[in-house]
Protein backbone atom coordinates (compact mmCIF):
# COMPACT_ATOMS: atom_id res chain seq x y z
CA MET A 1 0.00 0.00 0.00
CA LEU A 2 2.83 2.41 0.87
CA LEU A 3 4.54 1.71 -2.45
CA LEU A 4 1.31 2.47 -4.32
CA SER A 5 0.92 5.76 -2.42
CA LEU A 6 4.47 6.82 -3.28
CA SER A 7 3.94 5.91 -6.91
CA LEU A 8 0.76 8.00 -7.13
CA ALA A 9 2.43 10.95 -5.40
CA THR A 10 5.31 10.86 -7.89
CA HIS A 11 2.90 10.69 -10.84
CA ALA A 12 0.77 13.56 -9.46
CA GLY A 13 3.78 15.88 -9.55
CA ASN A 14 3.97 15.52 -13.33
CA THR A 15 0.33 16.30 -14.05
CA LEU A 16 -1.74 19.46 -14.16
CA ARG A 17 -5.43 18.84 -13.45
CA VAL A 18 -7.81 20.90 -15.61
CA GLY A 19 -11.35 20.02 -14.65
CA GLY A 20 -11.68 16.38 -15.68
CA GLU A 21 -8.73 16.54 -18.08
CA VAL A 22 -5.15 15.98 -16.94
CA PRO A 23 -2.29 17.06 -19.23
CA THR A 24 0.82 14.98 -18.57
CA VAL A 25 4.48 14.84 -19.49
CA GLY A 26 4.70 13.91 -23.17
CA ASP A 27 1.57 15.80 -24.24
CA SER A 28 1.89 18.21 -27.14
CA VAL A 29 1.93 21.99 -26.89
CA VAL A 30 -1.34 22.00 -28.82
CA ARG A 31 -3.01 19.87 -26.13
CA VAL A 32 -1.82 22.18 -23.33
CA MET A 33 -3.03 25.23 -25.29
CA GLN A 34 -6.43 23.62 -25.88
CA LEU A 35 -6.85 22.94 -22.17
CA ARG A 36 -5.17 25.98 -20.62
CA GLY A 37 -4.90 28.64 -23.29
CA LYS A 38 -1.91 30.94 -23.44
CA PRO A 39 0.45 30.89 -20.46
CA ASP A 40 0.72 33.93 -18.20
CA PHE A 41 4.50 33.92 -18.47
CA LYS A 42 7.13 32.29 -20.72
CA GLU A 43 10.88 32.07 -20.25
CA PRO A 44 13.59 30.30 -22.26
CA VAL A 45 15.18 27.07 -21.01
CA GLU A 46 18.91 26.76 -21.66
CA SER A 47 21.18 23.74 -21.57
CA ASP A 48 24.19 23.60 -19.26
CA PHE A 49 26.22 25.07 -22.13
CA GLY A 50 23.84 28.01 -22.73
CA GLY A 51 22.08 26.58 -25.79
CA TYR A 52 18.33 27.01 -26.26
CA GLN A 53 16.29 23.92 -25.30
CA GLY A 54 12.72 25.15 -25.07
CA LYS A 55 10.41 27.30 -22.92
CA ARG A 56 8.98 27.23 -19.42
CA TRP A 57 5.31 28.22 -19.32
CA GLN A 58 3.78 29.46 -16.08
CA TYR A 59 0.06 29.56 -15.33
CA GLN A 60 -0.67 31.85 -12.37
CA ARG A 61 -4.28 30.70 -12.14
CA ASP A 62 -3.11 27.15 -11.38
CA ASP A 63 -1.37 28.02 -8.13
CA GLY A 64 1.96 28.74 -9.80
CA ARG A 65 2.40 25.51 -11.71
CA ILE A 66 5.10 25.61 -14.36
CA VAL A 67 5.00 23.59 -17.58
CA THR A 68 8.36 23.06 -19.32
CA ILE A 69 8.11 22.59 -23.09
CA ILE A 70 11.00 20.94 -24.95
CA SER A 71 10.70 20.04 -28.66
CA CYS A 72 7.00 21.01 -28.69
CA LYS A 73 6.12 18.51 -25.93
CA VAL A 74 5.59 18.77 -22.18
CA ALA A 75 8.88 17.73 -20.58
CA ASP A 76 8.02 18.57 -16.95
CA ILE A 77 5.26 19.96 -14.77
CA GLN A 78 6.28 21.53 -11.46
CA ASP A 79 4.16 22.67 -8.56
CA ARG A 80 5.79 25.79 -7.10
CA THR A 81 3.35 26.07 -4.17
CA HIS A 82 5.33 23.72 -1.88
């Protein structure tokens, strides 16, 4: 039971609930835009060597969650409220 709880907690960190729909890592930019619209803030993501990798999208109305987009797909979803 504990293992299942930890697994669900890890998975929940990489999702962004939107009503009944849950965008997840691997979803396309188009899917995120359909569900959330335009982000409130965008910033570039750079590699360790300073090269452009993608963008971080922030939605203020979702308690500060940040969606990282790399190669037109969701690479990460972070909850900045904790």
